[in-house]
Amino acid sequence: MEMIKNRTNQLLDLEEQDYMKYIKKINKYKQRSGQKKLGSRIKFEIDLKNKGKEIK
């Protein structure tokens, strides 16, 4: 049981890292293009995707 718990935590950590990478990319995009709407749209889509995972 402990092993399964650790594995789950590792997977969650990976997802968080991916999410942070996305955020960094979005922030770079915002700085470069000055389009705040684009960045927030991508973030919104990622949030939706993550909410979908939580529901399952």
N, C-alpha and C. Protein backbone atom coordinates (compact mmCIF):
# COMPACT_ATOMS: atom_id res chain seq x y z
N MET A 1 0.84 -1.21 0.00
CA MET A 1 0.00 0.00 0.00
C MET A 1 0.87 1.26 0.00
N GLU A 2 1.92 1.22 0.80
CA GLU A 2 2.83 2.37 0.89
C GLU A 2 3.46 2.66 -0.47
N MET A 3 3.80 1.59 -1.19
CA MET A 3 4.44 1.75 -2.50
C MET A 3 3.49 2.45 -3.48
N ILE A 4 2.23 2.05 -3.45
CA ILE A 4 1.23 2.66 -4.34
C ILE A 4 1.10 4.15 -4.02
N LYS A 5 1.08 4.46 -2.73
CA LYS A 5 0.96 5.85 -2.30
C LYS A 5 2.13 6.68 -2.82
N ASN A 6 3.35 6.13 -2.67
CA ASN A 6 4.54 6.84 -3.16
C ASN A 6 4.47 7.06 -4.66
N ARG A 7 4.05 6.04 -5.37
CA ARG A 7 3.95 6.13 -6.84
C ARG A 7 2.96 7.23 -7.22
N THR A 8 1.84 7.28 -6.54
CA THR A 8 0.83 8.30 -6.82
C THR A 8 1.41 9.69 -6.58
N ASN A 9 2.14 9.84 -5.48
CA ASN A 9 2.76 11.14 -5.18
C ASN A 9 3.76 11.53 -6.25
N GLN A 10 4.54 10.55 -6.74
CA GLN A 10 5.51 10.84 -7.80
C GLN A 10 4.78 11.34 -9.05
N LEU A 11 3.69 10.68 -9.40
CA LEU A 11 2.93 11.08 -10.59
C LEU A 11 2.37 12.49 -10.42
N LEU A 12 1.86 12.78 -9.23
CA LEU A 12 1.34 14.12 -8.98
C LEU A 12 2.44 15.16 -9.11
N ASP A 13 3.62 14.84 -8.58
CA ASP A 13 4.75 15.76 -8.70
C ASP A 13 5.07 16.02 -10.16
N LEU A 14 5.05 14.98 -10.98
CA LEU A 14 5.33 15.14 -12.41
C LEU A 14 4.31 16.06 -13.06
N GLU A 15 3.04 15.86 -12.72
CA GLU A 15 2.00 16.72 -13.29
C GLU A 15 2.20 18.16 -12.88
N GLU A 16 2.58 18.38 -11.62
CA GLU A 16 2.83 19.75 -11.15
C GLU A 16 3.98 20.37 -11.91
N GLN A 17 5.04 19.58 -12.15
CA GLN A 17 6.19 20.10 -12.90
C GLN A 17 5.76 20.49 -14.31
N ASP A 18 4.95 19.64 -14.95
CA ASP A 18 4.45 19.95 -16.30
C ASP A 18 3.67 21.24 -16.26
N TYR A 19 2.82 21.38 -15.24
CA TYR A 19 1.98 22.56 -15.12
C TYR A 19 2.85 23.81 -14.99
N MET A 20 3.90 23.72 -14.17
CA MET A 20 4.79 24.86 -13.97
C MET A 20 5.50 25.22 -15.28
N LYS A 21 5.87 24.19 -16.06
CA LYS A 21 6.51 24.45 -17.36
C LYS A 21 5.56 25.22 -18.26
N TYR A 22 4.28 24.79 -18.26
CA TYR A 22 3.26 25.48 -19.06
C TYR A 22 3.17 26.94 -18.64
N ILE A 23 3.09 27.17 -17.33
CA ILE A 23 2.96 28.53 -16.81
C ILE A 23 4.15 29.38 -17.26
N LYS A 24 5.37 28.81 -17.16
CA LYS A 24 6.57 29.55 -17.58
C LYS A 24 6.50 29.90 -19.05
N LYS A 25 6.06 28.93 -19.87
CA LYS A 25 5.94 29.19 -21.31
C LYS A 25 4.95 30.31 -21.57
N ILE A 26 3.83 30.25 -20.87
CA ILE A 26 2.79 31.27 -21.04
C ILE A 26 3.33 32.64 -20.66
N ASN A 27 4.05 32.71 -19.54
CA ASN A 27 4.61 33.99 -19.10
C ASN A 27 5.60 34.54 -20.11
N LYS A 28 6.43 33.66 -20.69
CA LYS A 28 7.37 34.09 -21.72
C LYS A 28 6.60 34.66 -22.90
N TYR A 29 5.54 33.95 -23.28
CA TYR A 29 4.70 34.37 -24.40
C TYR A 29 4.13 35.76 -24.16
N LYS A 30 3.63 35.95 -22.94
CA LYS A 30 3.04 37.25 -22.57
C LYS A 30 4.08 38.35 -22.70
N GLN A 31 5.27 38.10 -22.16
CA GLN A 31 6.32 39.12 -22.19
C GLN A 31 6.70 39.45 -23.62
N ARG A 32 6.81 38.40 -24.46
CA ARG A 32 7.26 38.61 -25.83
C ARG A 32 6.22 39.34 -26.66
N SER A 33 4.98 38.86 -26.56
CA SER A 33 3.96 39.37 -27.47
C SER A 33 3.10 40.48 -26.85
N GLY A 34 3.09 40.52 -25.53
CA GLY A 34 2.25 41.50 -24.86
C GLY A 34 0.77 41.16 -24.94
N GLN A 35 0.47 39.94 -25.38
CA GLN A 35 -0.94 39.54 -25.48
C GLN A 35 -1.33 38.78 -24.22
N LYS A 36 -1.93 39.47 -23.29
CA LYS A 36 -2.33 38.81 -22.04
C LYS A 36 -3.48 37.84 -22.28
N LYS A 37 -4.33 38.16 -23.23
CA LYS A 37 -5.50 37.30 -23.48
C LYS A 37 -5.08 35.90 -23.91
N LEU A 38 -4.07 35.83 -24.77
CA LEU A 38 -3.61 34.53 -25.26
C LEU A 38 -3.13 33.66 -24.10
N GLY A 39 -2.29 34.24 -23.25
CA GLY A 39 -1.75 33.50 -22.12
C GLY A 39 -2.84 33.01 -21.18
N SER A 40 -3.81 33.88 -20.89
CA SER A 40 -4.86 33.49 -19.96
C SER A 40 -5.76 32.43 -20.60
N ARG A 41 -5.91 32.48 -21.91
CA ARG A 41 -6.71 31.47 -22.61
C ARG A 41 -6.05 30.09 -22.49
N ILE A 42 -4.73 30.05 -22.71
CA ILE A 42 -4.02 28.78 -22.59
C ILE A 42 -4.11 28.27 -21.16
N LYS A 43 -3.93 29.17 -20.19
CA LYS A 43 -4.01 28.77 -18.78
C LYS A 43 -5.40 28.23 -18.47
N PHE A 44 -6.41 28.87 -19.01
CA PHE A 44 -7.79 28.44 -18.80
C PHE A 44 -7.98 27.02 -19.34
N GLU A 45 -7.44 26.75 -20.52
CA GLU A 45 -7.56 25.41 -21.11
C GLU A 45 -6.85 24.37 -20.26
N ILE A 46 -5.68 24.73 -19.73
CA ILE A 46 -4.94 23.80 -18.87
C ILE A 46 -5.74 23.53 -17.60
N ASP A 47 -6.30 24.58 -17.02
CA ASP A 47 -7.12 24.42 -15.81
C ASP A 47 -8.28 23.49 -16.09
N LEU A 48 -8.93 23.66 -17.25
CA LEU A 48 -10.05 22.78 -17.61
C LEU A 48 -9.58 21.34 -17.71
N LYS A 49 -8.43 21.15 -18.36
CA LYS A 49 -7.88 19.80 -18.53
C LYS A 49 -7.62 19.17 -17.17
N ASN A 50 -7.05 19.94 -16.25
CA ASN A 50 -6.74 19.41 -14.92
C ASN A 50 -8.02 19.10 -14.14
N LYS A 51 -9.03 19.94 -14.29
CA LYS A 51 -10.30 19.68 -13.60
C LYS A 51 -10.91 18.39 -14.13
N GLY A 52 -10.78 18.17 -15.42
CA GLY A 52 -11.28 16.93 -16.03
C GLY A 52 -10.62 15.71 -15.42
N LYS A 53 -9.32 15.81 -15.14
CA LYS A 53 -8.60 14.68 -14.53
C LYS A 53 -9.11 14.44 -13.12
N GLU A 54 -9.38 15.52 -12.38
CA GLU A 54 -9.84 15.37 -10.99
C GLU A 54 -11.20 14.69 -10.94
N ILE A 55 -12.05 14.99 -11.91
CA ILE A 55 -13.40 14.43 -11.91
C ILE A 55 -13.38 12.92 -12.13
N LYS A 56 -12.48 12.45 -13.02
CA LYS A 56 -12.43 11.02 -13.37
C LYS A 56 -12.14 10.12 -12.20
